[in-house]
N, C-alpha and C. Protein backbone atom coordinates (compact mmCIF):
# COMPACT_ATOMS: atom_id res chain seq x y z
N MET A 1 -24.59 118.03 -154.92
CA MET A 1 -25.97 117.61 -154.82
C MET A 1 -26.72 118.14 -156.02
N ARG A 2 -27.54 117.28 -156.63
CA ARG A 2 -28.27 117.65 -157.85
C ARG A 2 -29.75 117.35 -157.71
N PHE A 3 -30.56 118.26 -158.23
CA PHE A 3 -32.01 118.08 -158.26
C PHE A 3 -32.50 118.21 -159.69
N VAL A 4 -33.45 117.36 -160.07
CA VAL A 4 -34.11 117.47 -161.37
C VAL A 4 -35.55 117.91 -161.08
N LEU A 5 -35.94 119.05 -161.63
CA LEU A 5 -37.19 119.71 -161.27
C LEU A 5 -38.31 119.42 -162.26
N ASP A 6 -39.50 119.19 -161.73
CA ASP A 6 -40.69 118.95 -162.54
C ASP A 6 -41.53 120.22 -162.61
N THR A 7 -42.37 120.27 -163.61
CA THR A 7 -43.29 121.39 -163.83
C THR A 7 -44.21 121.63 -162.63
N SER A 8 -44.61 120.55 -161.96
CA SER A 8 -45.61 120.65 -160.88
C SER A 8 -45.19 121.60 -159.77
N ILE A 9 -43.91 121.79 -159.55
CA ILE A 9 -43.43 122.70 -158.50
C ILE A 9 -43.96 124.11 -158.72
N PHE A 10 -44.04 124.51 -159.98
CA PHE A 10 -44.37 125.90 -160.32
C PHE A 10 -45.80 126.07 -160.85
N VAL A 11 -46.46 124.96 -161.21
CA VAL A 11 -47.76 125.05 -161.86
C VAL A 11 -48.89 124.52 -160.99
N ASN A 12 -48.67 123.42 -160.29
CA ASN A 12 -49.71 122.84 -159.44
C ASN A 12 -50.07 123.84 -158.34
N PRO A 13 -51.32 124.33 -158.29
CA PRO A 13 -51.68 125.40 -157.35
C PRO A 13 -51.38 125.06 -155.89
N GLU A 14 -51.58 123.81 -155.48
CA GLU A 14 -51.34 123.43 -154.09
C GLU A 14 -49.85 123.50 -153.75
N ILE A 15 -49.01 123.08 -154.66
CA ILE A 15 -47.57 123.08 -154.44
C ILE A 15 -47.01 124.49 -154.62
N ARG A 16 -47.39 125.12 -155.71
CA ARG A 16 -46.90 126.44 -156.06
C ARG A 16 -47.16 127.45 -154.94
N GLY A 17 -48.27 127.30 -154.24
CA GLY A 17 -48.66 128.23 -153.19
C GLY A 17 -47.59 128.42 -152.12
N LYS A 18 -46.73 127.44 -151.92
CA LYS A 18 -45.65 127.58 -150.93
C LYS A 18 -44.59 128.56 -151.41
N PHE A 19 -44.52 128.77 -152.71
CA PHE A 19 -43.52 129.67 -153.29
C PHE A 19 -44.10 131.01 -153.73
N GLY A 20 -45.36 131.01 -154.21
CA GLY A 20 -45.95 132.25 -154.70
C GLY A 20 -47.33 132.03 -155.26
N ASP A 21 -48.05 133.13 -155.51
CA ASP A 21 -49.43 133.04 -155.99
C ASP A 21 -49.54 132.67 -157.46
N SER A 22 -48.53 132.99 -158.25
CA SER A 22 -48.55 132.69 -159.68
C SER A 22 -47.32 131.86 -160.03
N PRO A 23 -47.31 131.20 -161.19
CA PRO A 23 -46.12 130.46 -161.59
C PRO A 23 -44.86 131.34 -161.64
N THR A 24 -45.00 132.58 -162.11
CA THR A 24 -43.85 133.48 -162.18
C THR A 24 -43.33 133.81 -160.79
N GLU A 25 -44.24 134.11 -159.84
CA GLU A 25 -43.82 134.39 -158.46
C GLU A 25 -43.16 133.17 -157.83
N ALA A 26 -43.73 131.99 -158.10
CA ALA A 26 -43.16 130.76 -157.55
C ALA A 26 -41.75 130.53 -158.09
N MET A 27 -41.56 130.75 -159.39
CA MET A 27 -40.23 130.58 -159.99
C MET A 27 -39.26 131.62 -159.41
N ARG A 28 -39.71 132.85 -159.24
CA ARG A 28 -38.85 133.90 -158.67
C ARG A 28 -38.39 133.50 -157.27
N ALA A 29 -39.31 133.01 -156.43
CA ALA A 29 -38.95 132.59 -155.07
C ALA A 29 -37.96 131.43 -155.12
N PHE A 30 -38.19 130.47 -156.03
CA PHE A 30 -37.24 129.35 -156.16
C PHE A 30 -35.86 129.86 -156.57
N LEU A 31 -35.82 130.78 -157.53
CA LEU A 31 -34.53 131.31 -158.01
C LEU A 31 -33.77 132.04 -156.91
N ASP A 32 -34.49 132.65 -155.96
CA ASP A 32 -33.83 133.28 -154.81
C ASP A 32 -33.08 132.21 -153.99
N TYR A 33 -33.72 131.05 -153.79
CA TYR A 33 -33.05 129.95 -153.09
C TYR A 33 -31.86 129.44 -153.92
N ALA A 34 -32.09 129.28 -155.22
CA ALA A 34 -31.03 128.77 -156.09
C ALA A 34 -29.81 129.67 -156.06
N GLU A 35 -30.04 130.98 -156.00
CA GLU A 35 -28.92 131.92 -155.93
C GLU A 35 -28.11 131.72 -154.65
N LYS A 36 -28.80 131.51 -153.53
CA LYS A 36 -28.11 131.30 -152.25
C LYS A 36 -27.33 129.99 -152.25
N LEU A 37 -27.78 129.03 -153.04
CA LEU A 37 -27.16 127.70 -153.06
C LEU A 37 -26.19 127.52 -154.23
N PHE A 38 -26.03 128.57 -155.03
CA PHE A 38 -25.21 128.49 -156.24
C PHE A 38 -23.79 128.03 -155.92
N GLY A 39 -23.31 127.11 -156.74
CA GLY A 39 -21.96 126.58 -156.57
C GLY A 39 -21.91 125.35 -155.68
N ARG A 40 -22.99 125.08 -154.94
CA ARG A 40 -23.04 123.91 -154.06
C ARG A 40 -24.12 122.92 -154.47
N ILE A 41 -25.21 123.45 -155.00
CA ILE A 41 -26.35 122.62 -155.42
C ILE A 41 -26.63 122.94 -156.88
N GLU A 42 -26.92 121.90 -157.68
CA GLU A 42 -27.25 122.11 -159.09
C GLU A 42 -28.72 121.74 -159.32
N PHE A 43 -29.39 122.56 -160.12
CA PHE A 43 -30.80 122.33 -160.46
C PHE A 43 -30.92 122.12 -161.96
N TYR A 44 -31.52 121.02 -162.37
CA TYR A 44 -31.64 120.64 -163.77
C TYR A 44 -33.11 120.55 -164.19
N MET A 45 -33.32 120.76 -165.49
CA MET A 45 -34.60 120.48 -166.14
C MET A 45 -34.30 119.92 -167.52
N PRO A 46 -34.98 118.82 -167.89
CA PRO A 46 -34.87 118.40 -169.29
C PRO A 46 -35.56 119.44 -170.16
N PRO A 47 -35.18 119.56 -171.43
CA PRO A 47 -35.76 120.59 -172.31
C PRO A 47 -37.29 120.56 -172.38
N GLY A 48 -37.89 119.38 -172.40
CA GLY A 48 -39.36 119.29 -172.48
C GLY A 48 -40.03 119.90 -171.27
N ILE A 49 -39.50 119.63 -170.09
CA ILE A 49 -40.04 120.20 -168.85
C ILE A 49 -39.82 121.72 -168.85
N TYR A 50 -38.64 122.16 -169.27
CA TYR A 50 -38.34 123.58 -169.32
C TYR A 50 -39.34 124.31 -170.22
N ARG A 51 -39.62 123.73 -171.40
CA ARG A 51 -40.60 124.34 -172.32
C ARG A 51 -41.98 124.41 -171.67
N GLU A 52 -42.37 123.34 -170.96
CA GLU A 52 -43.67 123.34 -170.27
C GLU A 52 -43.74 124.50 -169.27
N VAL A 53 -42.71 124.63 -168.46
CA VAL A 53 -42.68 125.68 -167.44
C VAL A 53 -42.75 127.06 -168.09
N MET A 54 -42.04 127.24 -169.20
CA MET A 54 -42.00 128.55 -169.86
C MET A 54 -43.35 128.97 -170.41
N HIS A 55 -44.27 128.00 -170.62
CA HIS A 55 -45.63 128.35 -171.06
C HIS A 55 -46.40 129.06 -169.95
N PHE A 56 -45.98 128.86 -168.70
CA PHE A 56 -46.74 129.37 -167.56
C PHE A 56 -46.12 130.60 -166.90
N VAL A 57 -44.83 130.85 -167.14
CA VAL A 57 -44.16 131.97 -166.47
C VAL A 57 -43.83 133.09 -167.45
N ASP A 58 -43.58 134.27 -166.90
CA ASP A 58 -43.12 135.40 -167.71
C ASP A 58 -41.60 135.35 -167.73
N GLU A 59 -41.06 134.77 -168.80
CA GLU A 59 -39.61 134.52 -168.89
C GLU A 59 -38.81 135.81 -168.78
N GLU A 60 -39.29 136.89 -169.41
CA GLU A 60 -38.58 138.17 -169.37
C GLU A 60 -38.35 138.65 -167.94
N GLU A 61 -39.35 138.40 -167.09
CA GLU A 61 -39.26 138.84 -165.70
C GLU A 61 -38.23 138.04 -164.90
N LEU A 62 -37.88 136.86 -165.41
CA LEU A 62 -37.00 135.96 -164.66
C LEU A 62 -35.57 135.92 -165.18
N LEU A 63 -35.32 136.63 -166.27
CA LEU A 63 -33.97 136.66 -166.84
C LEU A 63 -33.10 137.64 -166.05
N PRO A 64 -31.81 137.41 -165.91
CA PRO A 64 -31.02 136.28 -166.41
C PRO A 64 -30.96 135.10 -165.45
N GLU A 65 -31.57 135.24 -164.24
CA GLU A 65 -31.43 134.22 -163.20
C GLU A 65 -31.86 132.83 -163.66
N ILE A 66 -32.95 132.75 -164.43
CA ILE A 66 -33.44 131.44 -164.85
C ILE A 66 -32.39 130.72 -165.71
N GLU A 67 -31.63 131.48 -166.49
CA GLU A 67 -30.57 130.89 -167.31
C GLU A 67 -29.34 130.55 -166.47
N LEU A 68 -29.10 131.31 -165.42
CA LEU A 68 -27.93 131.08 -164.57
C LEU A 68 -28.09 129.87 -163.66
N TYR A 69 -29.28 129.69 -163.10
CA TYR A 69 -29.45 128.73 -162.01
C TYR A 69 -30.16 127.44 -162.39
N ILE A 70 -30.78 127.38 -163.57
CA ILE A 70 -31.40 126.12 -164.01
C ILE A 70 -30.63 125.61 -165.22
N ILE A 71 -30.09 124.42 -165.08
CA ILE A 71 -29.32 123.80 -166.16
C ILE A 71 -30.28 122.99 -167.02
N LYS A 72 -30.34 123.32 -168.30
CA LYS A 72 -31.19 122.57 -169.23
C LYS A 72 -30.33 121.47 -169.85
N LYS A 73 -30.75 120.22 -169.66
CA LYS A 73 -29.97 119.10 -170.18
C LYS A 73 -30.90 117.95 -170.54
N PRO A 74 -30.79 117.46 -171.76
CA PRO A 74 -31.56 116.26 -172.11
C PRO A 74 -30.85 115.02 -171.56
N PRO A 75 -31.62 113.96 -171.29
CA PRO A 75 -30.95 112.72 -170.88
C PRO A 75 -30.24 112.11 -172.08
N ASN A 76 -29.20 111.38 -171.82
CA ASN A 76 -28.47 110.67 -172.88
C ASN A 76 -29.20 109.36 -173.16
N VAL A 77 -30.22 109.44 -174.01
CA VAL A 77 -31.10 108.30 -174.24
C VAL A 77 -30.42 107.12 -174.94
N HIS A 78 -29.25 107.34 -175.51
CA HIS A 78 -28.57 106.25 -176.22
C HIS A 78 -27.73 105.39 -175.28
N ASP A 79 -27.35 105.91 -174.13
CA ASP A 79 -26.46 105.16 -173.24
C ASP A 79 -27.10 104.71 -171.93
N ILE A 80 -28.28 105.22 -171.60
CA ILE A 80 -28.92 104.84 -170.34
C ILE A 80 -29.55 103.45 -170.50
N LYS A 81 -29.22 102.58 -169.56
CA LYS A 81 -29.78 101.22 -169.58
C LYS A 81 -30.93 101.15 -168.57
N ILE A 82 -32.02 100.53 -169.01
CA ILE A 82 -33.19 100.37 -168.14
C ILE A 82 -33.37 98.87 -167.91
N PRO A 83 -33.48 98.44 -166.66
CA PRO A 83 -33.67 97.01 -166.38
C PRO A 83 -34.94 96.47 -167.04
N ALA A 84 -34.87 95.23 -167.48
CA ALA A 84 -36.01 94.59 -168.17
C ALA A 84 -37.24 94.54 -167.28
N PHE A 85 -37.06 94.40 -165.95
CA PHE A 85 -38.22 94.31 -165.07
C PHE A 85 -39.09 95.57 -165.16
N VAL A 86 -38.46 96.71 -165.45
CA VAL A 86 -39.21 97.97 -165.57
C VAL A 86 -40.18 97.88 -166.75
N VAL A 87 -39.71 97.34 -167.86
CA VAL A 87 -40.57 97.18 -169.05
C VAL A 87 -41.68 96.18 -168.75
N TYR A 88 -41.35 95.06 -168.07
CA TYR A 88 -42.37 94.08 -167.70
C TYR A 88 -43.45 94.73 -166.83
N GLU A 89 -43.02 95.51 -165.82
CA GLU A 89 -43.99 96.17 -164.94
C GLU A 89 -44.84 97.18 -165.70
N LEU A 90 -44.22 97.91 -166.62
CA LEU A 90 -44.96 98.89 -167.42
C LEU A 90 -46.03 98.20 -168.26
N ILE A 91 -45.67 97.11 -168.92
CA ILE A 91 -46.64 96.36 -169.74
C ILE A 91 -47.78 95.85 -168.87
N ASP A 92 -47.45 95.27 -167.72
CA ASP A 92 -48.46 94.75 -166.81
C ASP A 92 -49.37 95.87 -166.31
N ASP A 93 -48.79 97.02 -165.98
CA ASP A 93 -49.56 98.17 -165.51
C ASP A 93 -50.50 98.67 -166.60
N ILE A 94 -50.02 98.77 -167.82
CA ILE A 94 -50.87 99.23 -168.93
C ILE A 94 -52.03 98.28 -169.15
N ARG A 95 -51.77 96.97 -169.09
CA ARG A 95 -52.85 95.99 -169.28
C ARG A 95 -53.91 96.15 -168.20
N ARG A 96 -53.49 96.31 -166.93
CA ARG A 96 -54.46 96.50 -165.84
C ARG A 96 -55.28 97.77 -166.05
N ARG A 97 -54.63 98.83 -166.50
CA ARG A 97 -55.32 100.10 -166.72
C ARG A 97 -56.34 100.00 -167.86
N ILE A 98 -55.98 99.29 -168.92
CA ILE A 98 -56.92 99.12 -170.03
C ILE A 98 -58.16 98.37 -169.55
N ASP A 99 -57.96 97.30 -168.75
CA ASP A 99 -59.10 96.55 -168.20
C ASP A 99 -59.95 97.44 -167.30
N LYS A 100 -59.29 98.25 -166.47
CA LYS A 100 -60.01 99.16 -165.56
C LYS A 100 -60.80 100.19 -166.38
N GLY A 101 -60.18 100.73 -167.43
CA GLY A 101 -60.87 101.69 -168.29
C GLY A 101 -62.09 101.08 -168.96
N LEU A 102 -61.97 99.82 -169.36
CA LEU A 102 -63.09 99.13 -169.98
C LEU A 102 -64.25 99.00 -169.00
N ARG A 103 -63.95 98.68 -167.74
CA ARG A 103 -65.02 98.57 -166.73
C ARG A 103 -65.70 99.92 -166.50
N VAL A 104 -64.92 101.00 -166.52
CA VAL A 104 -65.48 102.35 -166.37
C VAL A 104 -66.45 102.62 -167.52
N ALA A 105 -66.04 102.28 -168.74
CA ALA A 105 -66.90 102.49 -169.92
C ALA A 105 -68.17 101.64 -169.84
N GLU A 106 -68.03 100.40 -169.38
CA GLU A 106 -69.21 99.52 -169.26
C GLU A 106 -70.22 100.09 -168.26
N ARG A 107 -69.73 100.61 -167.14
CA ARG A 107 -70.63 101.22 -166.14
C ARG A 107 -71.37 102.42 -166.74
N ALA A 108 -70.65 103.22 -167.52
CA ALA A 108 -71.28 104.40 -168.13
C ALA A 108 -72.36 103.99 -169.12
N VAL A 109 -72.12 102.94 -169.88
CA VAL A 109 -73.14 102.47 -170.83
C VAL A 109 -74.37 101.98 -170.07
N ARG A 110 -74.16 101.23 -168.98
CA ARG A 110 -75.30 100.74 -168.19
C ARG A 110 -76.11 101.92 -167.63
N GLU A 111 -75.42 102.95 -167.13
CA GLU A 111 -76.12 104.14 -166.63
C GLU A 111 -76.88 104.83 -167.76
N GLY A 112 -76.28 104.87 -168.94
CA GLY A 112 -76.91 105.53 -170.09
C GLY A 112 -78.19 104.85 -170.52
N VAL A 113 -78.23 103.53 -170.41
CA VAL A 113 -79.44 102.79 -170.78
C VAL A 113 -80.56 103.11 -169.81
N ILE A 114 -80.22 103.30 -168.54
CA ILE A 114 -81.23 103.59 -167.52
C ILE A 114 -81.61 105.07 -167.53
N GLU A 115 -80.62 105.97 -167.67
CA GLU A 115 -80.84 107.42 -167.57
C GLU A 115 -80.59 108.09 -168.92
N THR A 116 -81.44 107.82 -169.90
CA THR A 116 -81.22 108.36 -171.25
C THR A 116 -81.33 109.87 -171.32
N ASP A 117 -81.96 110.51 -170.35
CA ASP A 117 -82.10 111.97 -170.40
C ASP A 117 -80.85 112.69 -169.85
N ASN A 118 -79.90 111.98 -169.30
CA ASN A 118 -78.69 112.58 -168.74
C ASN A 118 -77.43 112.17 -169.50
N VAL A 119 -77.51 112.06 -170.81
CA VAL A 119 -76.41 111.57 -171.62
C VAL A 119 -75.15 112.44 -171.47
N ASP A 120 -75.28 113.76 -171.51
CA ASP A 120 -74.11 114.64 -171.39
C ASP A 120 -73.40 114.46 -170.04
N ARG A 121 -74.18 114.37 -168.98
CA ARG A 121 -73.60 114.18 -167.65
C ARG A 121 -72.87 112.84 -167.58
N ILE A 122 -73.46 111.82 -168.15
CA ILE A 122 -72.86 110.47 -168.14
C ILE A 122 -71.55 110.46 -168.94
N ILE A 123 -71.52 111.15 -170.08
CA ILE A 123 -70.31 111.22 -170.90
C ILE A 123 -69.20 111.96 -170.14
N GLN A 124 -69.55 113.05 -169.48
CA GLN A 124 -68.54 113.79 -168.69
C GLN A 124 -67.98 112.90 -167.58
N LYS A 125 -68.86 112.17 -166.90
CA LYS A 125 -68.42 111.27 -165.84
C LYS A 125 -67.54 110.15 -166.41
N LEU A 126 -67.91 109.63 -167.57
CA LEU A 126 -67.11 108.59 -168.23
C LEU A 126 -65.71 109.11 -168.53
N ARG A 127 -65.64 110.30 -169.12
CA ARG A 127 -64.34 110.87 -169.46
C ARG A 127 -63.47 111.06 -168.22
N ARG A 128 -64.06 111.61 -167.15
CA ARG A 128 -63.32 111.86 -165.91
C ARG A 128 -62.80 110.54 -165.31
N ASN A 129 -63.68 109.55 -165.20
CA ASN A 129 -63.30 108.28 -164.60
C ASN A 129 -62.35 107.47 -165.49
N TYR A 130 -62.55 107.56 -166.79
CA TYR A 130 -61.67 106.84 -167.73
C TYR A 130 -60.25 107.42 -167.67
N ARG A 131 -60.16 108.76 -167.65
CA ARG A 131 -58.86 109.42 -167.55
C ARG A 131 -58.16 109.03 -166.26
N LYS A 132 -58.92 109.01 -165.17
CA LYS A 132 -58.35 108.65 -163.87
C LYS A 132 -57.85 107.21 -163.89
N ALA A 133 -58.64 106.31 -164.46
CA ALA A 133 -58.27 104.89 -164.51
C ALA A 133 -57.03 104.64 -165.34
N LEU A 134 -56.90 105.35 -166.45
CA LEU A 134 -55.78 105.09 -167.36
C LEU A 134 -54.54 105.92 -167.08
N ARG A 135 -54.66 107.14 -166.56
CA ARG A 135 -53.51 108.03 -166.49
C ARG A 135 -52.97 108.29 -165.09
N GLU A 136 -53.76 108.13 -164.05
CA GLU A 136 -53.30 108.47 -162.71
C GLU A 136 -52.26 107.45 -162.23
N GLY A 137 -51.10 107.95 -161.80
CA GLY A 137 -50.07 107.08 -161.25
C GLY A 137 -49.17 106.42 -162.29
N ILE A 138 -49.20 106.92 -163.53
CA ILE A 138 -48.36 106.35 -164.59
C ILE A 138 -47.55 107.48 -165.24
N VAL A 139 -46.41 107.12 -165.78
CA VAL A 139 -45.64 108.08 -166.57
C VAL A 139 -46.31 108.12 -167.93
N ASP A 140 -46.96 109.25 -168.24
CA ASP A 140 -47.80 109.28 -169.44
C ASP A 140 -47.38 110.33 -170.45
N SER A 141 -46.13 110.80 -170.35
CA SER A 141 -45.66 111.74 -171.35
C SER A 141 -44.16 111.58 -171.55
N LYS A 142 -43.71 112.00 -172.70
CA LYS A 142 -42.27 111.96 -173.01
C LYS A 142 -41.50 112.84 -172.02
N GLU A 143 -42.08 113.97 -171.64
CA GLU A 143 -41.43 114.88 -170.71
C GLU A 143 -41.21 114.23 -169.34
N ASP A 144 -42.22 113.50 -168.86
CA ASP A 144 -42.08 112.79 -167.58
C ASP A 144 -40.97 111.74 -167.66
N PHE A 145 -40.91 111.03 -168.77
CA PHE A 145 -39.91 109.99 -168.95
C PHE A 145 -38.51 110.61 -169.02
N GLU A 146 -38.38 111.75 -169.71
CA GLU A 146 -37.10 112.46 -169.76
C GLU A 146 -36.63 112.84 -168.36
N LEU A 147 -37.55 113.29 -167.53
CA LEU A 147 -37.23 113.69 -166.16
C LEU A 147 -36.63 112.51 -165.39
N ILE A 148 -37.26 111.35 -165.51
CA ILE A 148 -36.79 110.15 -164.82
C ILE A 148 -35.43 109.71 -165.36
N LEU A 149 -35.29 109.70 -166.67
CA LEU A 149 -34.02 109.29 -167.27
C LEU A 149 -32.88 110.23 -166.89
N LEU A 150 -33.14 111.53 -166.88
CA LEU A 150 -32.10 112.49 -166.52
C LEU A 150 -31.66 112.30 -165.07
N ALA A 151 -32.62 112.10 -164.16
CA ALA A 151 -32.28 111.86 -162.76
C ALA A 151 -31.46 110.59 -162.61
N LYS A 152 -31.82 109.55 -163.37
CA LYS A 152 -31.06 108.29 -163.34
C LYS A 152 -29.63 108.52 -163.83
N GLU A 153 -29.50 109.23 -164.94
CA GLU A 153 -28.19 109.49 -165.53
C GLU A 153 -27.30 110.29 -164.58
N LEU A 154 -27.85 111.29 -163.92
CA LEU A 154 -27.07 112.19 -163.07
C LEU A 154 -26.95 111.72 -161.62
N ASP A 155 -27.65 110.62 -161.29
CA ASP A 155 -27.78 110.18 -159.90
C ASP A 155 -28.28 111.35 -159.05
N ALA A 156 -29.32 112.01 -159.57
CA ALA A 156 -29.89 113.20 -158.95
C ALA A 156 -31.20 112.85 -158.24
N THR A 157 -31.73 113.81 -157.52
CA THR A 157 -33.00 113.66 -156.82
C THR A 157 -34.10 114.33 -157.63
N ILE A 158 -35.17 113.58 -157.91
CA ILE A 158 -36.33 114.14 -158.61
C ILE A 158 -37.17 114.92 -157.61
N VAL A 159 -37.66 116.09 -158.04
CA VAL A 159 -38.60 116.87 -157.23
C VAL A 159 -39.88 116.99 -158.06
N SER A 160 -40.96 116.36 -157.58
CA SER A 160 -42.22 116.35 -158.33
C SER A 160 -43.39 116.10 -157.40
N ALA A 161 -44.58 116.49 -157.85
CA ALA A 161 -45.82 116.16 -157.15
C ALA A 161 -46.60 115.12 -157.94
N ASP A 162 -46.08 114.71 -159.09
CA ASP A 162 -46.75 113.77 -159.98
C ASP A 162 -46.59 112.35 -159.44
N VAL A 163 -47.71 111.72 -159.09
CA VAL A 163 -47.69 110.38 -158.49
C VAL A 163 -47.03 109.37 -159.42
N GLY A 164 -47.29 109.48 -160.72
CA GLY A 164 -46.68 108.56 -161.68
C GLY A 164 -45.17 108.66 -161.69
N ILE A 165 -44.66 109.87 -161.71
CA ILE A 165 -43.21 110.09 -161.71
C ILE A 165 -42.59 109.54 -160.43
N LEU A 166 -43.19 109.85 -159.29
CA LEU A 166 -42.63 109.39 -158.01
C LEU A 166 -42.71 107.87 -157.88
N THR A 167 -43.78 107.27 -158.38
CA THR A 167 -43.92 105.81 -158.34
C THR A 167 -42.82 105.15 -159.14
N TRP A 168 -42.58 105.65 -160.35
CA TRP A 168 -41.56 105.05 -161.20
C TRP A 168 -40.15 105.38 -160.73
N ALA A 169 -39.98 106.51 -160.08
CA ALA A 169 -38.67 106.83 -159.48
C ALA A 169 -38.35 105.77 -158.42
N GLN A 170 -39.33 105.43 -157.60
CA GLN A 170 -39.12 104.41 -156.58
C GLN A 170 -38.79 103.06 -157.20
N LYS A 171 -39.52 102.69 -158.24
CA LYS A 171 -39.28 101.39 -158.89
C LYS A 171 -37.89 101.31 -159.50
N MET A 172 -37.36 102.46 -159.93
CA MET A 172 -36.05 102.47 -160.59
C MET A 172 -34.91 102.85 -159.65
N GLY A 173 -35.21 102.99 -158.35
CA GLY A 173 -34.17 103.28 -157.38
C GLY A 173 -33.63 104.69 -157.47
N ILE A 174 -34.48 105.63 -157.89
CA ILE A 174 -34.07 107.04 -158.02
C ILE A 174 -34.53 107.80 -156.78
N LYS A 175 -33.65 108.65 -156.26
CA LYS A 175 -34.00 109.48 -155.10
C LYS A 175 -35.09 110.47 -155.52
N TRP A 176 -35.98 110.78 -154.58
CA TRP A 176 -37.04 111.73 -154.91
C TRP A 176 -37.48 112.50 -153.66
N ILE A 177 -38.05 113.67 -153.92
CA ILE A 177 -38.65 114.51 -152.89
C ILE A 177 -40.03 114.91 -153.40
N ASP A 178 -41.03 114.76 -152.55
CA ASP A 178 -42.36 115.25 -152.90
C ASP A 178 -42.28 116.77 -152.97
N ALA A 179 -42.75 117.33 -154.08
CA ALA A 179 -42.66 118.78 -154.28
C ALA A 179 -43.35 119.57 -153.17
N ALA A 180 -44.30 118.95 -152.47
CA ALA A 180 -44.99 119.63 -151.36
C ALA A 180 -44.01 120.00 -150.24
N ASN A 181 -42.87 119.31 -150.16
CA ASN A 181 -41.89 119.56 -149.11
C ASN A 181 -40.64 120.30 -149.61
N PHE A 182 -40.65 120.69 -150.86
CA PHE A 182 -39.43 121.21 -151.48
C PHE A 182 -38.97 122.54 -150.87
N ARG A 183 -39.89 123.41 -150.58
CA ARG A 183 -39.49 124.71 -150.00
C ARG A 183 -38.77 124.49 -148.66
N GLU A 184 -39.31 123.60 -147.84
CA GLU A 184 -38.67 123.31 -146.55
C GLU A 184 -37.28 122.71 -146.74
N VAL A 185 -37.14 121.86 -147.77
CA VAL A 185 -35.82 121.27 -148.08
C VAL A 185 -34.84 122.38 -148.46
N LEU A 186 -35.29 123.29 -149.31
CA LEU A 186 -34.41 124.40 -149.73
C LEU A 186 -34.01 125.26 -148.53
N GLU A 187 -34.97 125.55 -147.66
CA GLU A 187 -34.66 126.34 -146.46
C GLU A 187 -33.63 125.63 -145.59
N GLY A 188 -33.79 124.31 -145.44
CA GLY A 188 -32.83 123.52 -144.67
C GLY A 188 -31.44 123.55 -145.28
N LEU A 189 -31.38 123.48 -146.61
CA LEU A 189 -30.08 123.53 -147.28
C LEU A 189 -29.42 124.90 -147.11
N VAL A 190 -30.20 125.95 -147.22
CA VAL A 190 -29.66 127.30 -147.03
C VAL A 190 -29.14 127.45 -145.60
N ASP A 191 -29.90 126.93 -144.61
CA ASP A 191 -29.46 126.98 -143.21
C ASP A 191 -28.14 126.25 -143.02
N LYS A 192 -28.02 125.06 -143.59
CA LYS A 192 -26.79 124.27 -143.46
C LYS A 192 -25.61 124.98 -144.09
N LEU A 193 -25.83 125.56 -145.25
CA LEU A 193 -24.75 126.29 -145.90
C LEU A 193 -24.35 127.52 -145.10
N GLY A 194 -25.32 128.16 -144.47
CA GLY A 194 -25.05 129.33 -143.65
C GLY A 194 -24.20 128.99 -142.44
N GLU A 195 -24.34 127.74 -141.99
CA GLU A 195 -23.55 127.29 -140.84
C GLU A 195 -22.20 126.74 -141.29
N GLY A 196 -21.94 126.75 -142.59
CA GLY A 196 -20.67 126.28 -143.10
C GLY A 196 -20.52 124.77 -143.12
N LYS A 197 -21.64 124.04 -143.06
CA LYS A 197 -21.57 122.58 -143.07
C LYS A 197 -21.43 122.09 -144.51
N ASN A 198 -20.79 120.97 -144.66
CA ASN A 198 -20.69 120.34 -146.00
C ASN A 198 -21.94 119.56 -146.28
N LEU A 199 -22.35 119.57 -147.55
CA LEU A 199 -23.53 118.80 -147.95
C LEU A 199 -23.09 117.54 -148.69
């Protein structure tokens, strides 16, 4: 059984809280589970995701376990085939988001004409709504795309709280677990292994 791990498990405060108060504590708690599952379950991170996580944790505090239990592997981008429908859907999704972003900008301009004394507030609202319209629910970074490709290549399960990653995992037929449930999944796996059951 293989899992490909996203940054959100250790960084997103709502998700991380199930493992620990800080990213380092969350990673330490995860590594305790990984140690119990060693030899039966494999945990992967593409290099880009690994670098992201390392910005938030105290690596010295987690050595050598982080090197033992997390396999760093880039996807084989030269051999992975992606169905054409995925590209069609991506193009269609981007076009819809651009139109939605334009409507957000138009609303902000209309508000600005009426409320000229609140320009800073209107710009902040524009930025927030524009970002939401264009980026929420889409794979918007190379690191996210690497995560999806690696899971596809390994026939692994993605663990993430990122709506865009989970949406595209579903579209591409990749197994996934919402990171909000990951600790319970790990506990269940440890219980099964303790009972000597095969996974």
